[in-house]
């Protein structure tokens, strides 16, 4: 397995600039669209994107499990083939839901890309997602990494694409924990980063709303920490104190552009 020390240059390149959450989206450029990625490239900041599998095993760029919010289609991403998904308009615009291959081709190494792996808990589904993403990222020329809450997905990426930087996500949203008391038990291994024993990440991605944290202070002694999702000036300043890189959106974008 590739060590943290040996892959440090790749991690440094990946986290050298702020990362735009789901691309630099806004009016005329929906989240996770090629237009939002193009704006980030023009501004020379990195891109964080979400990836799921289509029904026929193609990695597509989409955050939610379902298509309701972004495409007004009451269906799960995993139930539709890529040929159908890529014809769907995003947020009522002419921009279409892209594949991961299309997104990476557009970026072409111009700026760092952080791929957030979204998948189910089934072993077969994990395997399909790992294989399909790894084959794309192994041959990609440019700063790239993967991140996710699921340590088994990250462990699989370590085996299939060992030179791709991996980040373990943590810091479950407090609203989720309060709304679903049972989730405290389920989420505790992730929240307290016990999952790092499985994923062996090169960096950690942590919720800015859960900062500062004594746990993160200890983590930063060995690995960089990325703060997500930083939206306000107050959160941006906090992230500068508690983390080594930021994933930004809303008001924090201007601050990130000024610091890039």
C-alpha atoms as a PDB file:
ATOM      1  CA  UNK A   1       0.000   0.000   0.000  1.00  0.00           C
ATOM      2  CA  UNK A   2       1.282   3.456  -0.907  1.00  0.00           C
ATOM      3  CA  UNK A   3       2.436   5.300   2.220  1.00  0.00           C
ATOM      4  CA  UNK A   4       1.348   8.762   3.326  1.00  0.00           C
ATOM      5  CA  UNK A   5       4.903  10.041   2.949  1.00  0.00           C
ATOM      6  CA  UNK A   6       5.376   8.764  -0.592  1.00  0.00           C
ATOM      7  CA  UNK A   7       2.160  10.332  -1.845  1.00  0.00           C
ATOM      8  CA  UNK A   8       2.635  13.670  -0.039  1.00  0.00           C
ATOM      9  CA  UNK A   9       3.467  15.608  -3.254  1.00  0.00           C
ATOM     10  CA  UNK A  10       0.163  14.541  -4.826  1.00  0.00           C
ATOM     11  CA  UNK A  11      -1.737  15.599  -1.697  1.00  0.00           C
ATOM     12  CA  UNK A  12       0.053  18.955  -1.690  1.00  0.00           C
ATOM     13  CA  UNK A  13      -0.959  19.568  -5.311  1.00  0.00           C
ATOM     14  CA  UNK A  14      -4.544  18.523  -4.633  1.00  0.00           C
ATOM     15  CA  UNK A  15      -4.912  20.894  -1.679  1.00  0.00           C
ATOM     16  CA  UNK A  16      -2.829  23.768  -3.043  1.00  0.00           C
ATOM     17  CA  UNK A  17      -5.892  25.913  -3.808  1.00  0.00           C
ATOM     18  CA  UNK A  18      -9.422  26.169  -2.375  1.00  0.00           C
ATOM     19  CA  UNK A  19     -11.982  23.747  -3.794  1.00  0.00           C
ATOM     20  CA  UNK A  20     -15.367  24.936  -5.082  1.00  0.00           C
ATOM     21  CA  UNK A  21     -18.173  22.814  -3.620  1.00  0.00           C
ATOM     22  CA  UNK A  22     -19.876  21.041  -6.563  1.00  0.00           C
ATOM     23  CA  UNK A  23     -18.102  23.452  -8.853  1.00  0.00           C
ATOM     24  CA  UNK A  24     -18.366  27.233  -8.956  1.00  0.00           C
ATOM     25  CA  UNK A  25     -22.132  27.135  -9.339  1.00  0.00           C
ATOM     26  CA  UNK A  26     -24.687  29.905  -9.460  1.00  0.00           C
ATOM     27  CA  UNK A  27     -27.158  31.461 -11.914  1.00  0.00           C
ATOM     28  CA  UNK A  28     -26.693  29.820 -15.301  1.00  0.00           C
ATOM     29  CA  UNK A  29     -24.311  27.191 -13.933  1.00  0.00           C
ATOM     30  CA  UNK A  30     -26.039  24.557 -11.763  1.00  0.00           C
ATOM     31  CA  UNK A  31     -24.151  22.544  -9.155  1.00  0.00           C
ATOM     32  CA  UNK A  32     -22.148  19.600 -10.478  1.00  0.00           C
ATOM     33  CA  UNK A  33     -22.488  20.826 -14.061  1.00  0.00           C
ATOM     34  CA  UNK A  34     -19.791  21.255 -16.681  1.00  0.00           C
ATOM     35  CA  UNK A  35     -20.616  24.969 -16.654  1.00  0.00           C
ATOM     36  CA  UNK A  36     -19.862  25.185 -12.909  1.00  0.00           C
ATOM     37  CA  UNK A  37     -16.610  23.302 -13.451  1.00  0.00           C
ATOM     38  CA  UNK A  38     -15.680  25.631 -16.293  1.00  0.00           C
ATOM     39  CA  UNK A  39     -16.175  28.669 -14.053  1.00  0.00           C
ATOM     40  CA  UNK A  40     -13.877  27.162 -11.434  1.00  0.00           C
ATOM     41  CA  UNK A  41     -11.231  26.497 -14.079  1.00  0.00           C
ATOM     42  CA  UNK A  42     -11.495  30.097 -15.289  1.00  0.00           C
ATOM     43  CA  UNK A  43     -10.963  31.290 -11.710  1.00  0.00           C
ATOM     44  CA  UNK A  44      -8.109  28.819 -11.181  1.00  0.00           C
ATOM     45  CA  UNK A  45      -9.546  27.166  -8.096  1.00  0.00           C
ATOM     46  CA  UNK A  46     -10.145  23.471  -7.507  1.00  0.00           C
ATOM     47  CA  UNK A  47     -13.367  21.514  -7.863  1.00  0.00           C
ATOM     48  CA  UNK A  48     -15.156  19.126  -5.506  1.00  0.00           C
ATOM     49  CA  UNK A  49     -17.628  16.857  -7.315  1.00  0.00           C
ATOM     50  CA  UNK A  50     -20.010  14.083  -6.297  1.00  0.00           C
ATOM     51  CA  UNK A  51     -20.072  10.746  -8.109  1.00  0.00           C
ATOM     52  CA  UNK A  52     -22.633   7.937  -8.189  1.00  0.00           C
ATOM     53  CA  UNK A  53     -23.189   4.937 -10.420  1.00  0.00           C
ATOM     54  CA  UNK A  54     -25.891   4.735 -13.058  1.00  0.00           C
ATOM     55  CA  UNK A  55     -27.929   1.563 -13.467  1.00  0.00           C
ATOM     56  CA  UNK A  56     -25.481   0.338 -16.098  1.00  0.00           C
ATOM     57  CA  UNK A  57     -22.407   1.022 -13.993  1.00  0.00           C
ATOM     58  CA  UNK A  58     -21.279   4.384 -15.400  1.00  0.00           C
ATOM     59  CA  UNK A  59     -19.944   6.954 -12.891  1.00  0.00           C
ATOM     60  CA  UNK A  60     -22.078  10.102 -13.185  1.00  0.00           C
ATOM     61  CA  UNK A  61     -21.735  13.432 -11.411  1.00  0.00           C
ATOM     62  CA  UNK A  62     -24.649  13.963  -9.022  1.00  0.00           C
ATOM     63  CA  UNK A  63     -24.965  14.522  -5.289  1.00  0.00           C
ATOM     64  CA  UNK A  64     -28.398  13.260  -4.251  1.00  0.00           C
ATOM     65  CA  UNK A  65     -29.549   9.652  -4.339  1.00  0.00           C
ATOM     66  CA  UNK A  66     -32.580  10.791  -6.319  1.00  0.00           C
ATOM     67  CA  UNK A  67     -33.096  13.157  -9.239  1.00  0.00           C
ATOM     68  CA  UNK A  68     -36.020  15.102  -7.764  1.00  0.00           C
ATOM     69  CA  UNK A  69     -34.207  18.228  -6.606  1.00  0.00           C
ATOM     70  CA  UNK A  70     -31.911  18.871  -9.546  1.00  0.00           C
ATOM     71  CA  UNK A  71     -33.778  17.276 -12.470  1.00  0.00           C
ATOM     72  CA  UNK A  72     -37.449  17.196 -11.332  1.00  0.00           C
ATOM     73  CA  UNK A  73     -37.530  13.440 -11.983  1.00  0.00           C
ATOM     74  CA  UNK A  74     -38.888  11.176  -9.193  1.00  0.00           C
ATOM     75  CA  UNK A  75     -36.354   8.395  -9.617  1.00  0.00           C
ATOM     76  CA  UNK A  76     -33.090   7.158  -8.134  1.00  0.00           C
ATOM     77  CA  UNK A  77     -29.853   7.750 -10.025  1.00  0.00           C
ATOM     78  CA  UNK A  78     -28.970   4.079  -9.583  1.00  0.00           C
ATOM     79  CA  UNK A  79     -32.160   2.977 -11.382  1.00  0.00           C
ATOM     80  CA  UNK A  80     -31.511   4.828 -14.643  1.00  0.00           C
ATOM     81  CA  UNK A  81     -28.927   4.118 -17.383  1.00  0.00           C
ATOM     82  CA  UNK A  82     -26.288   6.712 -18.201  1.00  0.00           C
ATOM     83  CA  UNK A  83     -27.741   7.392 -21.655  1.00  0.00           C
ATOM     84  CA  UNK A  84     -30.948   8.593 -19.998  1.00  0.00           C
ATOM     85  CA  UNK A  85     -29.286  10.435 -17.126  1.00  0.00           C
ATOM     86  CA  UNK A  86     -27.036  12.482 -19.400  1.00  0.00           C
ATOM     87  CA  UNK A  87     -30.064  13.818 -21.275  1.00  0.00           C
ATOM     88  CA  UNK A  88     -31.608  15.262 -18.114  1.00  0.00           C
ATOM     89  CA  UNK A  89     -31.480  19.025 -17.632  1.00  0.00           C
ATOM     90  CA  UNK A  90     -30.105  20.405 -14.368  1.00  0.00           C
ATOM     91  CA  UNK A  91     -32.225  22.896 -12.396  1.00  0.00           C
ATOM     92  CA  UNK A  92     -34.360  23.776 -15.394  1.00  0.00           C
ATOM     93  CA  UNK A  93     -31.402  24.818 -17.554  1.00  0.00           C
ATOM     94  CA  UNK A  94     -29.939  23.529 -20.801  1.00  0.00           C
ATOM     95  CA  UNK A  95     -27.018  22.044 -18.881  1.00  0.00           C
ATOM     96  CA  UNK A  96     -27.096  18.241 -18.645  1.00  0.00           C
ATOM     97  CA  UNK A  97     -26.095  15.817 -15.935  1.00  0.00           C
ATOM     98  CA  UNK A  98     -22.491  14.860 -16.825  1.00  0.00           C
ATOM     99  CA  UNK A  99     -20.555  11.638 -16.554  1.00  0.00           C
ATOM    100  CA  UNK A 100     -17.353  11.567 -14.516  1.00  0.00           C
ATOM    101  CA  UNK A 101     -15.424  10.942 -17.741  1.00  0.00           C
ATOM    102  CA  UNK A 102     -16.859  14.115 -19.304  1.00  0.00           C
ATOM    103  CA  UNK A 103     -16.031  16.157 -16.213  1.00  0.00           C
ATOM    104  CA  UNK A 104     -12.442  14.923 -16.007  1.00  0.00           C
ATOM    105  CA  UNK A 105     -11.967  15.486 -19.754  1.00  0.00           C
ATOM    106  CA  UNK A 106     -13.157  19.077 -19.367  1.00  0.00           C
ATOM    107  CA  UNK A 107     -10.810  19.786 -16.453  1.00  0.00           C
ATOM    108  CA  UNK A 108      -7.875  18.074 -18.138  1.00  0.00           C
ATOM    109  CA  UNK A 109      -5.499  18.677 -15.244  1.00  0.00           C
ATOM    110  CA  UNK A 110      -6.050  22.449 -15.239  1.00  0.00           C
ATOM    111  CA  UNK A 111      -7.086  22.554 -11.562  1.00  0.00           C
ATOM    112  CA  UNK A 112      -7.291  20.013  -8.716  1.00  0.00           C
ATOM    113  CA  UNK A 113     -10.345  17.740  -8.575  1.00  0.00           C
ATOM    114  CA  UNK A 114     -11.684  16.047  -5.443  1.00  0.00           C
ATOM    115  CA  UNK A 115     -14.145  13.230  -6.183  1.00  0.00           C
ATOM    116  CA  UNK A 116     -16.661  12.564  -3.391  1.00  0.00           C
ATOM    117  CA  UNK A 117     -17.705   8.912  -3.663  1.00  0.00           C
ATOM    118  CA  UNK A 118     -21.425   8.371  -3.087  1.00  0.00           C
ATOM    119  CA  UNK A 119     -22.662   4.799  -2.946  1.00  0.00           C
ATOM    120  CA  UNK A 120     -24.737   2.244  -1.094  1.00  0.00           C
ATOM    121  CA  UNK A 121     -23.521  -0.169   1.533  1.00  0.00           C
ATOM    122  CA  UNK A 122     -23.792  -3.346  -0.510  1.00  0.00           C
ATOM    123  CA  UNK A 123     -20.531  -5.125  -1.267  1.00  0.00           C
ATOM    124  CA  UNK A 124     -21.349  -5.535  -4.957  1.00  0.00           C
ATOM    125  CA  UNK A 125     -22.276  -1.870  -5.352  1.00  0.00           C
ATOM    126  CA  UNK A 126     -19.095  -0.783  -3.615  1.00  0.00           C
ATOM    127  CA  UNK A 127     -17.065  -2.997  -5.919  1.00  0.00           C
ATOM    128  CA  UNK A 128     -18.669  -1.608  -9.061  1.00  0.00           C
ATOM    129  CA  UNK A 129     -18.140   1.988  -7.947  1.00  0.00           C
ATOM    130  CA  UNK A 130     -14.514   1.365  -6.981  1.00  0.00           C
ATOM    131  CA  UNK A 131     -13.680  -0.370 -10.253  1.00  0.00           C
ATOM    132  CA  UNK A 132     -15.387   2.180 -12.489  1.00  0.00           C
ATOM    133  CA  UNK A 133     -13.884   5.233 -10.769  1.00  0.00           C
ATOM    134  CA  UNK A 134     -10.418   3.736 -10.355  1.00  0.00           C
ATOM    135  CA  UNK A 135     -10.049   2.929 -14.042  1.00  0.00           C
ATOM    136  CA  UNK A 136     -10.717   6.581 -14.906  1.00  0.00           C
ATOM    137  CA  UNK A 137      -8.538   8.147 -12.231  1.00  0.00           C
ATOM    138  CA  UNK A 138      -5.534   5.838 -12.676  1.00  0.00           C
ATOM    139  CA  UNK A 139      -4.919   7.288 -16.134  1.00  0.00           C
ATOM    140  CA  UNK A 140      -5.857  10.879 -15.315  1.00  0.00           C
ATOM    141  CA  UNK A 141      -3.081  13.451 -15.677  1.00  0.00           C
ATOM    142  CA  UNK A 142      -3.532  16.107 -13.040  1.00  0.00           C
ATOM    143  CA  UNK A 143      -4.085  16.676  -9.306  1.00  0.00           C
ATOM    144  CA  UNK A 144      -6.923  14.388  -8.218  1.00  0.00           C
ATOM    145  CA  UNK A 145      -8.165  12.694  -5.074  1.00  0.00           C
ATOM    146  CA  UNK A 146     -11.145  10.808  -3.702  1.00  0.00           C
ATOM    147  CA  UNK A 147     -13.019  11.403  -0.480  1.00  0.00           C
ATOM    148  CA  UNK A 148     -15.942   9.807   1.324  1.00  0.00           C
ATOM    149  CA  UNK A 149     -17.486   8.692   4.586  1.00  0.00           C
ATOM    150  CA  UNK A 150     -17.394   4.991   3.706  1.00  0.00           C
ATOM    151  CA  UNK A 151     -13.969   3.605   4.717  1.00  0.00           C
ATOM    152  CA  UNK A 152     -14.508   0.431   2.686  1.00  0.00           C
ATOM    153  CA  UNK A 153     -14.849   2.450  -0.510  1.00  0.00           C
ATOM    154  CA  UNK A 154     -11.602   4.219   0.308  1.00  0.00           C
ATOM    155  CA  UNK A 155      -9.883   0.942   1.153  1.00  0.00           C
ATOM    156  CA  UNK A 156     -10.941  -0.404  -2.226  1.00  0.00           C
ATOM    157  CA  UNK A 157      -9.594   2.685  -3.985  1.00  0.00           C
ATOM    158  CA  UNK A 158      -6.294   2.187  -2.169  1.00  0.00           C
ATOM    159  CA  UNK A 159      -6.000  -1.246  -3.741  1.00  0.00           C
ATOM    160  CA  UNK A 160      -7.148  -0.289  -7.248  1.00  0.00           C
ATOM    161  CA  UNK A 161      -5.655   3.204  -7.570  1.00  0.00           C
ATOM    162  CA  UNK A 162      -2.923   3.507  -4.919  1.00  0.00           C
ATOM    163  CA  UNK A 163      -1.430   6.697  -6.393  1.00  0.00           C
ATOM    164  CA  UNK A 164      -4.712   8.587  -6.062  1.00  0.00           C
ATOM    165  CA  UNK A 165      -4.897  10.587  -2.821  1.00  0.00           C
ATOM    166  CA  UNK A 166      -7.613   9.484  -0.388  1.00  0.00           C
ATOM    167  CA  UNK A 167      -9.498  11.542   2.178  1.00  0.00           C
ATOM    168  CA  UNK A 168     -11.627  10.228   5.040  1.00  0.00           C
ATOM    169  CA  UNK A 169     -14.698  12.380   5.684  1.00  0.00           C
ATOM    170  CA  UNK A 170     -15.921  13.012   9.212  1.00  0.00           C
ATOM    171  CA  UNK A 171     -17.965  15.381  11.336  1.00  0.00           C
ATOM    172  CA  UNK A 172     -21.596  14.348  10.972  1.00  0.00           C
ATOM    173  CA  UNK A 173     -23.983  17.320  10.897  1.00  0.00           C
ATOM    174  CA  UNK A 174     -25.499  17.987  14.326  1.00  0.00           C
ATOM    175  CA  UNK A 175     -28.974  18.430  12.840  1.00  0.00           C
ATOM    176  CA  UNK A 176     -28.770  14.874  11.545  1.00  0.00           C
ATOM    177  CA  UNK A 177     -27.658  13.569  14.911  1.00  0.00           C
ATOM    178  CA  UNK A 178     -30.492  15.368  16.729  1.00  0.00           C
ATOM    179  CA  UNK A 179     -33.133  14.316  14.209  1.00  0.00           C
ATOM    180  CA  UNK A 180     -32.067  10.669  14.179  1.00  0.00           C
ATOM    181  CA  UNK A 181     -30.879   9.636  17.660  1.00  0.00           C
ATOM    182  CA  UNK A 182     -30.023   6.115  16.453  1.00  0.00           C
ATOM    183  CA  UNK A 183     -27.517   7.657  14.034  1.00  0.00           C
ATOM    184  CA  UNK A 184     -25.217   8.526  16.939  1.00  0.00           C
ATOM    185  CA  UNK A 185     -24.356   4.844  17.270  1.00  0.00           C
ATOM    186  CA  UNK A 186     -24.097   4.244  13.528  1.00  0.00           C
ATOM    187  CA  UNK A 187     -22.109   7.411  12.827  1.00  0.00           C
ATOM    188  CA  UNK A 188     -19.782   7.383  15.826  1.00  0.00           C
ATOM    189  CA  UNK A 189     -16.958   5.432  14.108  1.00  0.00           C
ATOM    190  CA  UNK A 190     -16.959   7.982  11.282  1.00  0.00           C
ATOM    191  CA  UNK A 191     -17.517  10.984  13.518  1.00  0.00           C
ATOM    192  CA  UNK A 192     -14.567  10.099  15.723  1.00  0.00           C
ATOM    193  CA  UNK A 193     -12.511   8.939  12.724  1.00  0.00           C
ATOM    194  CA  UNK A 194     -12.090   5.374  13.922  1.00  0.00           C
ATOM    195  CA  UNK A 195     -12.670   4.552  10.257  1.00  0.00           C
ATOM    196  CA  UNK A 196      -9.162   5.773   9.476  1.00  0.00           C
ATOM    197  CA  UNK A 197      -7.935   2.363  10.646  1.00  0.00           C
ATOM    198  CA  UNK A 198      -9.678   0.887   7.590  1.00  0.00           C
ATOM    199  CA  UNK A 199      -9.311   3.653   5.010  1.00  0.00           C
ATOM    200  CA  UNK A 200      -5.725   4.687   5.907  1.00  0.00           C
ATOM    201  CA  UNK A 201      -6.300   8.130   4.350  1.00  0.00           C
ATOM    202  CA  UNK A 202      -3.733  10.650   3.194  1.00  0.00           C
ATOM    203  CA  UNK A 203      -5.869  13.523   4.517  1.00  0.00           C
ATOM    204  CA  UNK A 204      -9.091  14.094   6.449  1.00  0.00           C
ATOM    205  CA  UNK A 205     -12.130  16.095   5.318  1.00  0.00           C
ATOM    206  CA  UNK A 206     -14.109  17.429   8.290  1.00  0.00           C
ATOM    207  CA  UNK A 207     -17.273  19.472   8.811  1.00  0.00           C
ATOM    208  CA  UNK A 208     -16.372  23.095   9.575  1.00  0.00           C
ATOM    209  CA  UNK A 209     -19.447  23.282  11.827  1.00  0.00           C
ATOM    210  CA  UNK A 210     -17.709  20.797  14.140  1.00  0.00           C
ATOM    211  CA  UNK A 211     -14.540  22.881  14.457  1.00  0.00           C
ATOM    212  CA  UNK A 212     -12.503  23.536  16.544  1.00  0.00           C
ATOM    213  CA  UNK A 213     -11.828  19.974  17.654  1.00  0.00           C
ATOM    214  CA  UNK A 214      -9.146  18.437  19.829  1.00  0.00           C
ATOM    215  CA  UNK A 215      -9.409  15.324  17.676  1.00  0.00           C
ATOM    216  CA  UNK A 216      -8.515  17.306  14.557  1.00  0.00           C
ATOM    217  CA  UNK A 217      -5.586  18.861  16.351  1.00  0.00           C
ATOM    218  CA  UNK A 218      -4.142  15.402  16.804  1.00  0.00           C
ATOM    219  CA  UNK A 219      -4.966  14.399  13.240  1.00  0.00           C
ATOM    220  CA  UNK A 220      -3.189  17.473  11.823  1.00  0.00           C
ATOM    221  CA  UNK A 221       0.044  16.319  13.417  1.00  0.00           C
ATOM    222  CA  UNK A 222       0.184  13.568  10.778  1.00  0.00           C
ATOM    223  CA  UNK A 223      -2.234  14.495   7.969  1.00  0.00           C
ATOM    224  CA  UNK A 224      -3.694  17.620   6.372  1.00  0.00           C
ATOM    225  CA  UNK A 225      -7.284  18.527   7.235  1.00  0.00           C
ATOM    226  CA  UNK A 226      -9.794  19.913   4.721  1.00  0.00           C
ATOM    227  CA  UNK A 227     -12.753  21.918   6.062  1.00  0.00           C
ATOM    228  CA  UNK A 228     -16.167  21.359   4.448  1.00  0.00           C
ATOM    229  CA  UNK A 229     -18.439  23.100   3.486  1.00  0.00           C
ATOM    230  CA  UNK A 230     -17.252  26.629   4.257  1.00  0.00           C
ATOM    231  CA  UNK A 231     -19.959  29.155   3.353  1.00  0.00           C
ATOM    232  CA  UNK A 232     -19.516  32.321   5.436  1.00  0.00           C
ATOM    233  CA  UNK A 233     -16.713  34.687   6.357  1.00  0.00           C
ATOM    234  CA  UNK A 234     -16.789  33.430   9.950  1.00  0.00           C
ATOM    235  CA  UNK A 235     -16.456  29.820   8.784  1.00  0.00           C
ATOM    236  CA  UNK A 236     -13.664  30.772   6.393  1.00  0.00           C
ATOM    237  CA  UNK A 237     -11.664  32.413   9.183  1.00  0.00           C
ATOM    238  CA  UNK A 238     -12.297  29.424  11.448  1.00  0.00           C
ATOM    239  CA  UNK A 239     -11.151  27.037   8.728  1.00  0.00           C
ATOM    240  CA  UNK A 240      -7.961  29.009   8.272  1.00  0.00           C
ATOM    241  CA  UNK A 241      -7.165  28.360  11.943  1.00  0.00           C
ATOM    242  CA  UNK A 242      -8.291  24.734  12.169  1.00  0.00           C
ATOM    243  CA  UNK A 243      -7.622  23.259   8.707  1.00  0.00           C
ATOM    244  CA  UNK A 244      -5.110  23.195   5.902  1.00  0.00           C
ATOM    245  CA  UNK A 245      -7.515  23.548   2.960  1.00  0.00           C
ATOM    246  CA  UNK A 246     -11.143  24.498   2.331  1.00  0.00           C
ATOM    247  CA  UNK A 247     -14.155  23.444   0.285  1.00  0.00           C
ATOM    248  CA  UNK A 248     -16.139  26.632  -0.285  1.00  0.00           C
ATOM    249  CA  UNK A 249     -19.541  27.857  -1.379  1.00  0.00           C
ATOM    250  CA  UNK A 250     -21.665  31.035  -1.192  1.00  0.00           C
ATOM    251  CA  UNK A 251     -20.033  34.012   0.595  1.00  0.00           C
ATOM    252  CA  UNK A 252     -16.788  32.151   1.193  1.00  0.00           C
ATOM    253  CA  UNK A 253     -16.124  31.828  -2.547  1.00  0.00           C
ATOM    254  CA  UNK A 254     -14.973  35.451  -2.840  1.00  0.00           C
ATOM    255  CA  UNK A 255     -12.636  35.010   0.112  1.00  0.00           C
ATOM    256  CA  UNK A 256     -11.273  31.842  -1.431  1.00  0.00           C
ATOM    257  CA  UNK A 257     -10.711  33.535  -4.791  1.00  0.00           C
ATOM    258  CA  UNK A 258      -8.838  36.335  -3.073  1.00  0.00           C
ATOM    259  CA  UNK A 259      -6.596  33.832  -1.307  1.00  0.00           C
ATOM    260  CA  UNK A 260      -6.002  31.541  -4.299  1.00  0.00           C
END
